[in-house]
Amino acid sequence: MPSILPVSSLRSYTEVLDDVGPGSPVFLTNNVHGKYAILEM
């Protein structure tokens, strides 16, 4: 299941980055619309 979080969750970015893994991106939303994706390289 994809991880979908609001952009404001980046205030505690270490918790957000802990959710990122191989094949498991974190999607960030801004005003309910998809805005960014964080992927592991």
N, C-alpha and C. Protein backbone atom coordinates (compact mmCIF):
# COMPACT_ATOMS: atom_id res chain seq x y z
N MET A 1 0.84 -1.17 0.00
CA MET A 1 0.00 0.00 0.00
C MET A 1 0.89 1.24 0.00
N PRO A 2 0.64 2.18 -0.90
CA PRO A 2 1.50 3.37 -0.97
C PRO A 2 1.30 4.26 0.25
N SER A 3 2.35 4.96 0.60
CA SER A 3 2.31 5.90 1.70
C SER A 3 1.99 7.28 1.12
N ILE A 4 0.87 7.85 1.53
CA ILE A 4 0.43 9.16 1.05
C ILE A 4 0.31 10.08 2.25
N LEU A 5 1.07 11.17 2.23
CA LEU A 5 1.12 12.09 3.35
C LEU A 5 0.98 13.53 2.88
N PRO A 6 0.52 14.42 3.75
CA PRO A 6 0.50 15.84 3.37
C PRO A 6 1.91 16.41 3.40
N VAL A 7 2.17 17.44 2.62
CA VAL A 7 3.48 18.08 2.56
C VAL A 7 3.90 18.57 3.94
N SER A 8 2.96 18.97 4.76
CA SER A 8 3.27 19.48 6.10
C SER A 8 3.95 18.43 6.97
N SER A 9 3.86 17.16 6.61
CA SER A 9 4.52 16.11 7.40
C SER A 9 6.04 16.18 7.27
N LEU A 10 6.54 16.99 6.32
CA LEU A 10 7.99 17.14 6.17
C LEU A 10 8.62 17.90 7.33
N ARG A 11 7.81 18.47 8.20
CA ARG A 11 8.36 19.11 9.40
C ARG A 11 9.16 18.10 10.21
N SER A 12 8.72 16.86 10.19
CA SER A 12 9.48 15.78 10.82
C SER A 12 9.95 14.83 9.71
N TYR A 13 10.85 15.34 8.87
CA TYR A 13 11.23 14.63 7.65
C TYR A 13 11.92 13.29 7.92
N THR A 14 12.54 13.10 9.07
CA THR A 14 13.19 11.81 9.34
C THR A 14 12.16 10.69 9.41
N GLU A 15 10.99 10.98 9.95
CA GLU A 15 9.93 9.96 10.00
C GLU A 15 9.42 9.65 8.59
N VAL A 16 9.35 10.67 7.75
CA VAL A 16 8.91 10.47 6.37
C VAL A 16 9.93 9.62 5.63
N LEU A 17 11.21 9.94 5.79
CA LEU A 17 12.25 9.20 5.07
C LEU A 17 12.36 7.76 5.55
N ASP A 18 11.98 7.48 6.78
CA ASP A 18 11.98 6.10 7.28
C ASP A 18 10.97 5.25 6.53
N ASP A 19 9.91 5.87 6.00
CA ASP A 19 8.88 5.13 5.27
C ASP A 19 9.28 4.82 3.83
N VAL A 20 10.30 5.50 3.31
CA VAL A 20 10.74 5.29 1.93
C VAL A 20 11.61 4.04 1.87
N GLY A 21 11.34 3.18 0.91
CA GLY A 21 12.13 1.97 0.74
C GLY A 21 12.12 1.54 -0.71
N PRO A 22 12.87 0.48 -1.03
CA PRO A 22 12.89 -0.01 -2.41
C PRO A 22 11.48 -0.41 -2.87
N GLY A 23 11.03 0.20 -3.93
CA GLY A 23 9.70 -0.10 -4.46
C GLY A 23 8.57 0.43 -3.59
N SER A 24 8.89 1.30 -2.64
CA SER A 24 7.89 1.84 -1.73
C SER A 24 8.06 3.35 -1.60
N PRO A 25 7.62 4.11 -2.61
CA PRO A 25 7.78 5.57 -2.54
C PRO A 25 6.79 6.19 -1.56
N VAL A 26 7.08 7.41 -1.17
CA VAL A 26 6.17 8.20 -0.36
C VAL A 26 5.65 9.32 -1.24
N PHE A 27 4.34 9.46 -1.32
CA PHE A 27 3.71 10.50 -2.11
C PHE A 27 3.26 11.61 -1.19
N LEU A 28 3.56 12.86 -1.57
CA LEU A 28 3.19 14.02 -0.76
C LEU A 28 2.12 14.82 -1.49
N THR A 29 1.12 15.25 -0.74
CA THR A 29 0.03 16.01 -1.31
C THR A 29 0.03 17.44 -0.80
N ASN A 30 -0.52 18.33 -1.61
CA ASN A 30 -0.68 19.72 -1.25
C ASN A 30 -2.11 20.12 -1.60
N ASN A 31 -2.90 20.46 -0.62
CA ASN A 31 -4.32 20.79 -0.83
C ASN A 31 -5.05 19.65 -1.54
N VAL A 32 -4.84 18.45 -1.09
CA VAL A 32 -5.50 17.22 -1.55
C VAL A 32 -5.05 16.76 -2.94
N HIS A 33 -4.17 17.48 -3.59
CA HIS A 33 -3.67 17.09 -4.91
C HIS A 33 -2.25 16.55 -4.79
N GLY A 34 -1.94 15.51 -5.53
CA GLY A 34 -0.59 14.97 -5.55
C GLY A 34 0.39 16.03 -6.01
N LYS A 35 1.52 16.15 -5.31
CA LYS A 35 2.48 17.19 -5.63
C LYS A 35 3.88 16.62 -5.82
N TYR A 36 4.33 15.75 -4.92
CA TYR A 36 5.70 15.22 -4.95
C TYR A 36 5.71 13.73 -4.66
N ALA A 37 6.80 13.10 -5.08
CA ALA A 37 7.05 11.70 -4.73
C ALA A 37 8.50 11.59 -4.28
N ILE A 38 8.73 10.87 -3.20
CA ILE A 38 10.09 10.64 -2.71
C ILE A 38 10.41 9.18 -2.98
N LEU A 39 11.47 8.94 -3.74
CA LEU A 39 11.89 7.59 -4.14
C LEU A 39 13.28 7.30 -3.62
N GLU A 40 13.53 6.03 -3.32
CA GLU A 40 14.89 5.62 -2.95
C GLU A 40 15.67 5.31 -4.23
N MET A 41 16.87 5.82 -4.31
CA MET A 41 17.69 5.59 -5.50
C MET A 41 18.54 4.35 -5.34
